[in-house]
Protein backbone atom coordinates (compact mmCIF):
# COMPACT_ATOMS: atom_id res chain seq x y z
CA UNK A 1 156.73 139.36 162.39
CA UNK A 2 156.85 138.74 158.54
CA UNK A 3 156.91 141.64 156.15
CA UNK A 4 154.14 141.96 153.44
CA UNK A 5 156.67 141.24 150.76
CA UNK A 6 157.60 137.95 152.41
CA UNK A 7 153.98 136.85 152.84
CA UNK A 8 153.07 137.38 149.16
CA UNK A 9 156.17 135.84 147.61
CA UNK A 10 155.52 132.43 146.02
CA UNK A 11 157.76 129.59 146.96
CA UNK A 12 159.31 127.33 144.30
CA UNK A 13 157.06 124.48 145.46
CA UNK A 14 153.95 126.55 144.85
CA UNK A 15 155.12 127.56 141.37
CA UNK A 16 155.85 123.95 140.48
CA UNK A 17 152.42 122.90 141.72
CA UNK A 18 150.70 125.62 139.70
CA UNK A 19 152.53 124.61 136.52
CA UNK A 20 151.62 120.97 137.08
CA UNK A 21 147.96 121.87 137.51
CA UNK A 22 148.07 123.96 134.32
CA UNK A 23 149.67 121.09 132.37
CA UNK A 24 147.01 118.68 133.63
CA UNK A 25 144.28 121.07 132.47
CA UNK A 26 145.86 121.39 128.99
CA UNK A 27 146.22 117.61 128.63
CA UNK A 28 142.67 117.04 129.82
CA UNK A 29 141.30 119.64 127.41
CA UNK A 30 143.20 118.11 124.46
CA UNK A 31 142.01 114.63 125.39
CA UNK A 32 138.40 115.78 125.54
CA UNK A 33 138.84 117.60 122.18
CA UNK A 34 140.25 114.48 120.46
CA UNK A 35 137.46 112.38 121.92
CA UNK A 36 134.85 114.84 120.65
CA UNK A 37 136.34 114.91 117.13
CA UNK A 38 136.59 111.11 117.10
CA UNK A 39 132.92 110.76 118.00
CA UNK A 40 131.98 113.17 115.20
CA UNK A 41 134.03 111.19 112.66
CA UNK A 42 132.45 107.94 113.83
CA UNK A 43 128.95 109.35 113.40
CA UNK A 44 129.88 110.65 109.94
CA UNK A 45 131.14 107.21 108.87
CA UNK A 46 128.03 105.50 110.20
CA UNK A 47 125.84 108.04 108.40
CA UNK A 48 127.57 107.51 105.06
CA UNK A 49 127.37 103.75 105.46
CA UNK A 50 123.66 103.96 106.24
CA UNK A 51 123.05 106.02 103.10
CA UNK A 52 125.05 103.61 100.96
CA UNK A 53 127.48 106.39 100.00
CA UNK A 54 130.60 105.01 101.63
CA UNK A 55 133.17 104.49 98.85
CA UNK A 56 134.47 101.01 98.28
CA UNK A 57 138.10 100.95 99.39
CA UNK A 58 138.81 97.58 97.76
CA UNK A 59 140.53 98.55 94.51
CA UNK A 60 140.82 94.92 93.43
CA UNK A 61 137.03 94.53 93.08
CA UNK A 62 135.58 96.74 90.31
CA UNK A 63 132.06 98.07 90.81
CA UNK A 64 129.38 96.02 89.07
CA UNK A 65 127.39 97.73 86.34
CA UNK A 66 123.59 97.69 86.55
CA UNK A 67 122.12 94.86 84.49
CA UNK A 68 118.80 93.67 83.13
CA UNK A 69 116.49 91.71 85.40
CA UNK A 70 113.16 90.00 84.87
CA UNK A 71 110.15 92.04 86.01
CA UNK A 72 107.81 89.25 87.00
CA UNK A 73 105.18 91.61 88.45
CA UNK A 74 104.92 93.84 85.36
CA UNK A 75 102.00 93.40 82.98
CA UNK A 76 102.40 92.73 79.23
CA UNK A 77 102.23 95.90 77.15
CA UNK A 78 101.91 94.27 73.71
CA UNK A 79 100.24 91.34 72.00
CA UNK A 80 100.24 89.64 68.62
CA UNK A 81 96.76 88.85 67.31
CA UNK A 82 96.18 85.21 66.48
CA UNK A 83 95.99 84.14 62.89
CA UNK A 84 94.07 81.01 63.94
CA UNK A 85 92.72 79.54 67.17
CA UNK A 86 95.53 76.96 67.46
CA UNK A 87 98.33 79.53 67.58
CA UNK A 88 99.67 80.53 70.97
CA UNK A 89 102.54 82.51 72.49
CA UNK A 90 104.95 80.14 74.21
CA UNK A 91 106.31 82.79 76.57
CA UNK A 92 106.14 86.49 77.37
CA UNK A 93 109.08 87.87 79.35
CA UNK A 94 109.52 91.44 80.59
CA UNK A 95 113.01 92.73 81.37
CA UNK A 96 113.78 96.03 83.05
CA UNK A 97 117.00 98.01 83.47
CA UNK A 98 117.77 100.25 86.48
CA UNK A 99 118.47 103.12 84.07
CA UNK A 100 114.97 103.04 82.58
CA UNK A 101 115.00 100.55 79.69
CA UNK A 102 112.30 97.90 79.20
CA UNK A 103 112.15 94.86 76.91
CA UNK A 104 108.98 92.92 76.13
CA UNK A 105 110.00 89.58 74.60
CA UNK A 106 107.58 87.11 73.00
CA UNK A 107 108.82 83.69 71.87
CA UNK A 108 107.14 80.89 69.97
CA UNK A 109 108.34 77.29 70.01
CA UNK A 110 107.74 74.26 67.80
CA UNK A 111 108.53 70.60 68.16
CA UNK A 112 110.76 69.66 71.10
CA UNK A 113 110.39 73.24 72.36
CA UNK A 114 112.68 74.49 69.60
CA UNK A 115 112.32 78.28 69.13
CA UNK A 116 110.71 79.12 65.79
CA UNK A 117 110.12 82.85 66.23
CA UNK A 118 110.84 85.75 68.54
CA UNK A 119 109.61 89.33 68.80
CA UNK A 120 111.29 91.89 71.07
CA UNK A 121 110.04 95.44 71.73
CA UNK A 122 112.79 97.47 73.37
CA UNK A 123 111.92 100.83 74.90
CA UNK A 124 115.26 102.53 75.41
CA UNK A 125 116.45 104.15 78.63
CA UNK A 126 119.67 105.85 79.72
CA UNK A 127 121.45 102.48 79.40
CA UNK A 128 121.15 102.53 75.59
CA UNK A 129 124.59 102.60 73.93
CA UNK A 130 124.47 104.41 70.58
CA UNK A 131 127.91 103.03 69.67
CA UNK A 132 126.80 99.41 69.99
CA UNK A 133 125.57 97.88 66.70
CA UNK A 134 121.84 97.26 66.74
CA UNK A 135 122.37 93.70 65.47
CA UNK A 136 125.12 92.89 68.01
CA UNK A 137 123.13 90.16 69.78
CA UNK A 138 120.68 89.27 67.02
CA UNK A 139 122.79 86.33 65.80
CA UNK A 140 122.88 84.82 69.29
CA UNK A 141 119.13 85.22 69.65
CA UNK A 142 118.75 83.37 66.34
CA UNK A 143 120.65 80.43 67.81
CA UNK A 144 123.92 81.16 65.97
CA UNK A 145 127.45 81.43 67.30
CA UNK A 146 128.49 84.76 68.80
CA UNK A 147 130.93 85.31 65.93
CA UNK A 148 128.43 84.52 63.18
CA UNK A 149 128.07 87.23 60.54
CA UNK A 150 124.73 88.47 59.30
CA UNK A 151 124.05 90.01 55.92
CA UNK A 152 121.16 92.21 54.92
CA UNK A 153 118.45 90.27 53.12
CA UNK A 154 116.19 93.01 51.86
CA UNK A 155 113.23 94.94 53.20
CA UNK A 156 109.60 94.19 53.92
CA UNK A 157 106.78 96.69 54.16
CA UNK A 158 104.79 96.68 57.41
CA UNK A 159 102.38 98.99 59.20
CA UNK A 160 105.46 100.40 61.01
CA UNK A 161 107.15 101.17 57.69
CA UNK A 162 110.11 99.40 56.03
CA UNK A 163 111.78 96.72 58.16
CA UNK A 164 115.31 95.46 57.41
CA UNK A 165 115.83 91.69 57.16
CA UNK A 166 119.00 89.79 58.02
CA UNK A 167 120.22 86.25 57.39
CA UNK A 168 123.43 84.33 58.20
CA UNK A 169 126.23 84.89 55.71
CA UNK A 170 127.03 81.16 55.80
CA UNK A 171 124.49 78.38 56.24
CA UNK A 172 124.80 74.62 56.21
CA UNK A 173 124.03 73.06 52.85
CA UNK A 174 120.47 71.83 52.55
CA UNK A 175 119.14 73.84 55.51
CA UNK A 176 116.78 76.80 55.45
CA UNK A 177 118.22 79.70 57.46
CA UNK A 178 116.03 81.73 59.77
CA UNK A 179 115.49 85.41 59.02
CA UNK A 180 116.18 88.17 61.51
CA UNK A 181 114.62 91.62 61.36
CA UNK A 182 115.10 95.05 62.88
CA UNK A 183 113.10 98.28 62.98
CA UNK A 184 114.28 101.37 64.87
CA UNK A 185 112.18 104.40 65.76
CA UNK A 186 113.72 107.63 67.03
CA UNK A 187 110.68 109.33 68.55
CA UNK A 188 109.70 107.65 70.74
CA UNK A 189 112.96 105.74 71.19
CA UNK A 190 111.85 102.22 70.29
CA UNK A 191 113.43 99.16 68.67
CA UNK A 192 111.47 96.21 67.30
CA UNK A 193 113.54 93.15 66.44
CA UNK A 194 113.47 89.38 66.35
CA UNK A 195 113.63 86.42 64.02
CA UNK A 196 111.42 83.84 62.35
CA UNK A 197 112.08 80.32 61.09
CA UNK A 198 108.51 79.86 59.84
CA UNK A 199 108.08 79.06 56.17
CA UNK A 200 109.77 76.65 53.76
CA UNK A 201 110.81 79.34 51.28
CA UNK A 202 112.34 82.77 51.56
CA UNK A 203 109.15 84.58 50.38
CA UNK A 204 107.12 82.61 52.93
CA UNK A 205 109.51 83.59 55.73
CA UNK A 206 109.36 87.23 54.72
CA UNK A 207 105.58 87.12 54.65
CA UNK A 208 105.50 85.46 58.09
CA UNK A 209 107.57 88.27 59.61
CA UNK A 210 105.47 90.95 57.95
CA UNK A 211 102.31 89.24 59.18
CA UNK A 212 103.62 89.08 62.75
CA UNK A 213 104.49 92.78 62.80
CA UNK A 214 101.17 93.78 61.26
CA UNK A 215 99.36 91.83 63.97
CA UNK A 216 101.38 93.46 66.77
CA UNK A 217 99.14 95.63 68.95
CA UNK A 218 99.60 97.71 72.06
CA UNK A 219 97.84 96.79 75.31
CA UNK A 220 99.24 99.59 77.50
CA UNK A 221 101.44 102.59 76.74
CA UNK A 222 102.84 103.04 80.25
CA UNK A 223 101.77 106.70 80.28
CA UNK A 224 103.76 107.35 77.11
CA UNK A 225 101.56 109.35 74.72
CA UNK A 226 104.15 109.22 71.92
CA UNK A 227 104.18 105.43 72.02
CA UNK A 228 100.39 105.34 71.91
CA UNK A 229 100.43 107.74 68.96
CA UNK A 230 102.97 105.57 67.10
CA UNK A 231 100.79 102.47 67.37
CA UNK A 232 97.62 104.41 66.56
CA UNK A 233 99.12 105.73 63.32
CA UNK A 234 100.56 102.31 62.48
CA UNK A 235 97.17 100.67 62.94
CA UNK A 236 95.79 102.82 60.14
CA UNK A 237 98.31 101.16 57.77
CA UNK A 238 97.63 97.58 58.83
CA UNK A 239 97.24 95.00 56.07
CA UNK A 240 95.71 91.56 56.08
CA UNK A 241 98.12 88.66 56.35
CA UNK A 242 99.05 86.86 53.14
CA UNK A 243 100.43 83.39 53.91
CA UNK A 244 101.49 82.92 50.31
CA UNK A 245 103.98 85.77 50.55
CA UNK A 246 102.59 88.10 47.92
CA UNK A 247 104.99 90.59 46.39
CA UNK A 248 102.81 93.34 47.89
CA UNK A 249 104.67 92.72 51.18
CA UNK A 250 108.04 93.46 49.63
CA UNK A 251 109.98 96.56 48.64
CA UNK A 252 111.61 95.02 45.59
CA UNK A 253 113.59 98.05 44.41
CA UNK A 254 115.30 98.44 47.77
CA UNK A 255 115.97 94.73 48.19
CA UNK A 256 118.47 94.62 45.35
CA UNK A 257 120.65 97.23 47.13
CA UNK A 258 120.74 95.67 50.60
CA UNK A 259 123.48 93.04 50.41
CA UNK A 260 126.69 92.38 52.26
CA UNK A 261 127.94 91.23 55.67
CA UNK A 262 127.47 93.27 58.84
């Protein structure tokens, strides 16, 4: 007959079996834990990808900056009243920027669809760069080379106040250069610019630009009361167009001071 001590004593085989079972449990638990964490990481990656927040790991491809795009479904916000029934706007293009900016661009063409005038109303958004010269792209819009220099060519008086004129520093002999123009407004943040090749003489060109700006009207403010107020106040200062280019359009005293390349 076995003693109690002998019946309760564990054999080496039993101890080995118990340790093996314990090791299997530990390995199984760790495997299930890694599987659980892996599933969580996979769901997190899929969630970030779905939200478009997954960072681009390709360092060799820089992120593209938001750019301007044509807003074909937007409605014109401005118009230029006709001086005669034969005059028409060749095109009206609306450009929008993802950061809030909007450009309304009107262009007029002449023979062989050659641009003769342009008017751009730029309502600034967060994309506006204060360090970039306001006339940086005006030369290109005038049909000049990117490196062409512009010089100030005086001021004209319009219903929006004084407007600065620009012309190429160098022009081909025997050709009449087009005139560019620029008017900035701080509140609301607005920039009116463009060019005109209309007129055989410099006074006629200046008068044509002044006439265009005085005929510029607002069709819709886009829920911007400050913009509506700006055009309402400007309308009170509107003058009749003078095709002959009367000196009443000009700010003669200031014109003598505005010279030099930009």
